[in-house]
N, C-alpha and C. Protein backbone atom coordinates (compact mmCIF):
# COMPACT_ATOMS: atom_id res chain seq x y z
N MET A 1 18.16 16.35 -3.69
CA MET A 1 19.11 15.32 -4.02
C MET A 1 18.39 14.21 -4.78
N LYS A 2 18.96 13.82 -5.90
CA LYS A 2 18.35 12.79 -6.72
C LYS A 2 18.87 11.43 -6.30
N LYS A 3 17.97 10.46 -6.35
CA LYS A 3 18.32 9.11 -5.93
C LYS A 3 19.05 8.38 -7.06
N ARG A 4 20.09 7.63 -6.71
CA ARG A 4 20.85 6.85 -7.69
C ARG A 4 20.82 5.39 -7.31
N LEU A 5 20.66 4.55 -8.32
CA LEU A 5 20.64 3.10 -8.13
C LEU A 5 21.58 2.45 -9.13
N THR A 6 22.06 1.27 -8.79
CA THR A 6 22.95 0.51 -9.67
C THR A 6 22.25 -0.78 -10.05
N GLY A 7 22.27 -1.10 -11.35
CA GLY A 7 21.61 -2.31 -11.80
C GLY A 7 22.17 -2.80 -13.12
N ILE A 8 21.56 -3.85 -13.65
CA ILE A 8 22.00 -4.48 -14.88
C ILE A 8 20.91 -4.31 -15.93
N ILE A 9 21.31 -3.94 -17.14
CA ILE A 9 20.35 -3.78 -18.23
C ILE A 9 19.90 -5.17 -18.67
N ILE A 10 18.58 -5.40 -18.65
CA ILE A 10 18.05 -6.70 -19.06
C ILE A 10 17.34 -6.62 -20.41
N SER A 11 17.05 -5.40 -20.89
CA SER A 11 16.43 -5.25 -22.21
C SER A 11 16.79 -3.87 -22.76
N ASP A 12 17.17 -3.85 -24.05
CA ASP A 12 17.46 -2.58 -24.71
C ASP A 12 16.78 -2.53 -26.08
N LYS A 13 15.62 -3.18 -26.20
CA LYS A 13 14.94 -3.30 -27.48
C LYS A 13 14.12 -2.06 -27.85
N MET A 14 13.80 -1.21 -26.87
CA MET A 14 13.02 -0.01 -27.15
C MET A 14 13.94 1.14 -27.57
N GLN A 15 13.38 2.11 -28.25
CA GLN A 15 14.17 3.27 -28.67
C GLN A 15 14.39 4.18 -27.47
N ASN A 16 15.64 4.54 -27.21
CA ASN A 16 16.05 5.45 -26.14
C ASN A 16 15.60 4.99 -24.75
N THR A 17 15.33 3.71 -24.58
CA THR A 17 14.86 3.19 -23.30
C THR A 17 15.56 1.87 -23.00
N ALA A 18 15.90 1.68 -21.74
CA ALA A 18 16.46 0.42 -21.28
C ALA A 18 15.71 -0.02 -20.03
N VAL A 19 15.53 -1.33 -19.88
CA VAL A 19 14.95 -1.87 -18.67
C VAL A 19 16.10 -2.32 -17.79
N VAL A 20 16.19 -1.73 -16.58
CA VAL A 20 17.29 -1.99 -15.66
C VAL A 20 16.74 -2.73 -14.44
N MET A 21 17.36 -3.87 -14.10
CA MET A 21 16.96 -4.63 -12.92
C MET A 21 17.89 -4.29 -11.77
N VAL A 22 17.29 -3.84 -10.66
CA VAL A 22 18.05 -3.44 -9.48
C VAL A 22 17.76 -4.46 -8.37
N ASP A 23 18.83 -5.02 -7.81
CA ASP A 23 18.71 -5.98 -6.71
C ASP A 23 19.06 -5.29 -5.40
N ARG A 24 18.35 -5.71 -4.32
CA ARG A 24 18.69 -5.20 -3.00
C ARG A 24 18.42 -6.29 -1.98
N LEU A 25 19.11 -6.23 -0.84
CA LEU A 25 18.93 -7.20 0.23
C LEU A 25 17.95 -6.64 1.25
N VAL A 26 16.99 -7.49 1.66
CA VAL A 26 15.99 -7.10 2.65
C VAL A 26 16.01 -8.14 3.75
N ALA A 27 15.91 -7.69 5.00
CA ALA A 27 15.87 -8.61 6.14
C ALA A 27 14.42 -8.92 6.49
N HIS A 28 14.14 -10.19 6.74
CA HIS A 28 12.80 -10.59 7.15
C HIS A 28 12.50 -9.98 8.52
N SER A 29 11.28 -9.48 8.70
CA SER A 29 10.96 -8.74 9.92
C SER A 29 10.98 -9.64 11.17
N LYS A 30 10.60 -10.89 11.04
CA LYS A 30 10.56 -11.78 12.21
C LYS A 30 11.81 -12.64 12.34
N TYR A 31 12.23 -13.25 11.22
CA TYR A 31 13.31 -14.22 11.28
C TYR A 31 14.69 -13.63 10.98
N HIS A 32 14.75 -12.42 10.50
CA HIS A 32 15.98 -11.67 10.26
C HIS A 32 16.90 -12.30 9.22
N LYS A 33 16.36 -13.23 8.43
CA LYS A 33 17.15 -13.77 7.34
C LYS A 33 17.10 -12.78 6.19
N ARG A 34 18.23 -12.60 5.54
CA ARG A 34 18.29 -11.67 4.41
C ARG A 34 17.98 -12.41 3.12
N PHE A 35 17.21 -11.74 2.25
CA PHE A 35 16.91 -12.31 0.95
C PHE A 35 16.92 -11.20 -0.08
N LYS A 36 17.11 -11.61 -1.33
CA LYS A 36 17.27 -10.65 -2.41
C LYS A 36 15.92 -10.32 -3.04
N VAL A 37 15.68 -9.02 -3.25
CA VAL A 37 14.47 -8.54 -3.91
C VAL A 37 14.90 -7.78 -5.16
N SER A 38 14.25 -8.08 -6.28
CA SER A 38 14.58 -7.41 -7.55
C SER A 38 13.43 -6.53 -7.99
N LYS A 39 13.78 -5.43 -8.65
CA LYS A 39 12.77 -4.54 -9.21
C LYS A 39 13.27 -4.03 -10.55
N LYS A 40 12.36 -3.90 -11.51
CA LYS A 40 12.72 -3.43 -12.84
C LYS A 40 12.31 -1.98 -13.00
N TYR A 41 13.21 -1.17 -13.56
CA TYR A 41 12.95 0.24 -13.84
C TYR A 41 13.17 0.50 -15.32
N LYS A 42 12.29 1.30 -15.93
CA LYS A 42 12.52 1.75 -17.30
C LYS A 42 13.28 3.06 -17.22
N ALA A 43 14.41 3.12 -17.89
CA ALA A 43 15.28 4.29 -17.82
C ALA A 43 15.53 4.86 -19.21
N HIS A 44 15.60 6.18 -19.29
CA HIS A 44 15.85 6.87 -20.55
C HIS A 44 17.34 6.90 -20.83
N ILE A 45 17.71 6.61 -22.09
CA ILE A 45 19.11 6.68 -22.51
C ILE A 45 19.25 7.87 -23.44
N GLU A 46 19.99 8.91 -22.99
CA GLU A 46 20.19 10.09 -23.82
C GLU A 46 21.31 9.87 -24.82
N ALA A 47 22.43 9.39 -24.34
CA ALA A 47 23.59 9.16 -25.21
C ALA A 47 24.36 7.97 -24.66
N GLY A 48 25.11 7.35 -25.52
CA GLY A 48 25.90 6.20 -25.09
C GLY A 48 25.38 4.93 -25.71
N ASP A 49 26.26 3.96 -25.79
CA ASP A 49 25.92 2.69 -26.40
C ASP A 49 25.90 1.64 -25.30
N PHE A 50 24.73 1.32 -24.81
CA PHE A 50 24.58 0.33 -23.75
C PHE A 50 23.89 -0.90 -24.32
N LYS A 51 24.36 -2.07 -23.88
CA LYS A 51 23.81 -3.33 -24.36
C LYS A 51 23.27 -4.13 -23.19
N THR A 52 22.54 -5.17 -23.49
CA THR A 52 22.03 -6.07 -22.46
C THR A 52 23.20 -6.70 -21.70
N GLY A 53 23.10 -6.67 -20.37
CA GLY A 53 24.15 -7.23 -19.53
C GLY A 53 25.10 -6.20 -18.96
N ASP A 54 25.04 -4.95 -19.43
CA ASP A 54 25.91 -3.89 -18.90
C ASP A 54 25.44 -3.46 -17.52
N LYS A 55 26.38 -3.20 -16.63
CA LYS A 55 26.06 -2.70 -15.30
C LYS A 55 26.11 -1.17 -15.35
N VAL A 56 25.00 -0.52 -14.99
CA VAL A 56 24.88 0.93 -15.15
C VAL A 56 24.35 1.57 -13.87
N VAL A 57 24.51 2.89 -13.81
CA VAL A 57 23.96 3.71 -12.73
C VAL A 57 22.79 4.49 -13.31
N ILE A 58 21.64 4.45 -12.61
CA ILE A 58 20.49 5.23 -13.04
C ILE A 58 20.16 6.27 -11.97
N GLU A 59 19.57 7.39 -12.41
CA GLU A 59 19.26 8.49 -11.51
C GLU A 59 17.82 8.93 -11.74
N SER A 60 17.12 9.28 -10.67
CA SER A 60 15.74 9.73 -10.81
C SER A 60 15.71 11.08 -11.51
N CYS A 61 14.65 11.30 -12.27
CA CYS A 61 14.50 12.56 -12.99
C CYS A 61 13.00 12.85 -13.14
N ARG A 62 12.67 13.92 -13.80
CA ARG A 62 11.27 14.23 -14.04
C ARG A 62 10.70 13.18 -14.98
N PRO A 63 9.40 12.95 -14.94
CA PRO A 63 8.84 11.92 -15.82
C PRO A 63 9.04 12.24 -17.30
N VAL A 64 9.63 11.30 -18.03
CA VAL A 64 9.83 11.45 -19.46
C VAL A 64 8.60 10.91 -20.19
N SER A 65 7.99 9.85 -19.64
CA SER A 65 6.77 9.28 -20.18
C SER A 65 6.00 8.66 -19.02
N LYS A 66 4.99 7.86 -19.35
CA LYS A 66 4.17 7.26 -18.30
C LYS A 66 4.99 6.37 -17.37
N ASP A 67 5.90 5.58 -17.92
CA ASP A 67 6.67 4.63 -17.12
C ASP A 67 8.09 5.08 -16.82
N LYS A 68 8.64 5.98 -17.61
CA LYS A 68 10.05 6.35 -17.46
C LYS A 68 10.21 7.55 -16.53
N LYS A 69 10.79 7.27 -15.36
CA LYS A 69 11.08 8.33 -14.38
C LYS A 69 12.54 8.29 -13.94
N TRP A 70 13.36 7.54 -14.70
CA TRP A 70 14.78 7.37 -14.43
C TRP A 70 15.56 7.61 -15.71
N LYS A 71 16.83 7.98 -15.57
CA LYS A 71 17.71 8.11 -16.74
C LYS A 71 19.03 7.42 -16.44
N VAL A 72 19.64 6.88 -17.48
CA VAL A 72 20.92 6.19 -17.35
C VAL A 72 22.02 7.24 -17.30
N ILE A 73 22.81 7.21 -16.23
CA ILE A 73 23.93 8.16 -16.07
C ILE A 73 25.17 7.66 -16.79
N GLY A 74 25.50 6.40 -16.61
CA GLY A 74 26.69 5.84 -17.25
C GLY A 74 27.00 4.47 -16.71
N PRO A 75 28.06 3.86 -17.21
CA PRO A 75 28.43 2.52 -16.72
C PRO A 75 29.06 2.60 -15.33
N VAL A 76 28.99 1.49 -14.62
CA VAL A 76 29.64 1.40 -13.31
C VAL A 76 31.12 1.27 -13.53
N VAL A 77 31.90 2.11 -12.86
CA VAL A 77 33.35 2.09 -13.00
C VAL A 77 33.92 1.26 -11.86
N VAL A 78 34.66 0.24 -12.21
CA VAL A 78 35.30 -0.62 -11.22
C VAL A 78 36.71 -0.10 -10.99
N ASN A 79 37.05 0.13 -9.73
CA ASN A 79 38.38 0.63 -9.41
C ASN A 79 39.41 -0.46 -9.65
N GLU A 80 40.39 -0.15 -10.47
CA GLU A 80 41.47 -1.09 -10.72
C GLU A 80 42.59 -0.87 -9.72
N PRO A 81 43.30 -1.91 -9.31
CA PRO A 81 44.39 -1.73 -8.37
C PRO A 81 45.52 -0.88 -8.98
N VAL A 82 46.10 -0.07 -8.15
CA VAL A 82 47.17 0.82 -8.60
C VAL A 82 48.45 0.01 -8.72
N LYS A 83 49.10 0.12 -9.88
CA LYS A 83 50.35 -0.60 -10.08
C LYS A 83 51.50 0.26 -9.63
N THR A 84 52.33 -0.29 -8.76
CA THR A 84 53.50 0.42 -8.27
C THR A 84 54.75 -0.25 -8.84
N GLU A 85 55.87 0.40 -8.66
CA GLU A 85 57.12 -0.14 -9.16
C GLU A 85 57.51 -1.43 -8.43
N GLU A 86 57.20 -1.50 -7.13
CA GLU A 86 57.55 -2.69 -6.35
C GLU A 86 56.75 -3.91 -6.80
N ALA A 87 55.52 -3.69 -7.19
CA ALA A 87 54.69 -4.81 -7.60
C ALA A 87 55.12 -5.37 -8.96
N THR A 88 55.71 -4.55 -9.80
CA THR A 88 56.11 -5.00 -11.13
C THR A 88 57.47 -5.70 -11.11
N LYS A 89 58.26 -5.52 -10.05
CA LYS A 89 59.59 -6.15 -9.98
C LYS A 89 59.53 -7.58 -9.59
């Protein structure tokens, strides 16, 4: 099973490569306060037009180069509310 992460593209200046920043919440071991930790991943872009600021899903893959071990799967799809006839009346 391949690992998938969700993050925001912070740089797309390289050819076929994007830098994706992934945030996660971590609890302090003693005080149990949660804080945000960020990590940057270089991901390979096979197809698609992604720009800085896009929210994307990345998946682990075989190493493409020294730093690239992830590939961009696609944009994050936000579920839109279903419109019913009662809501439109």
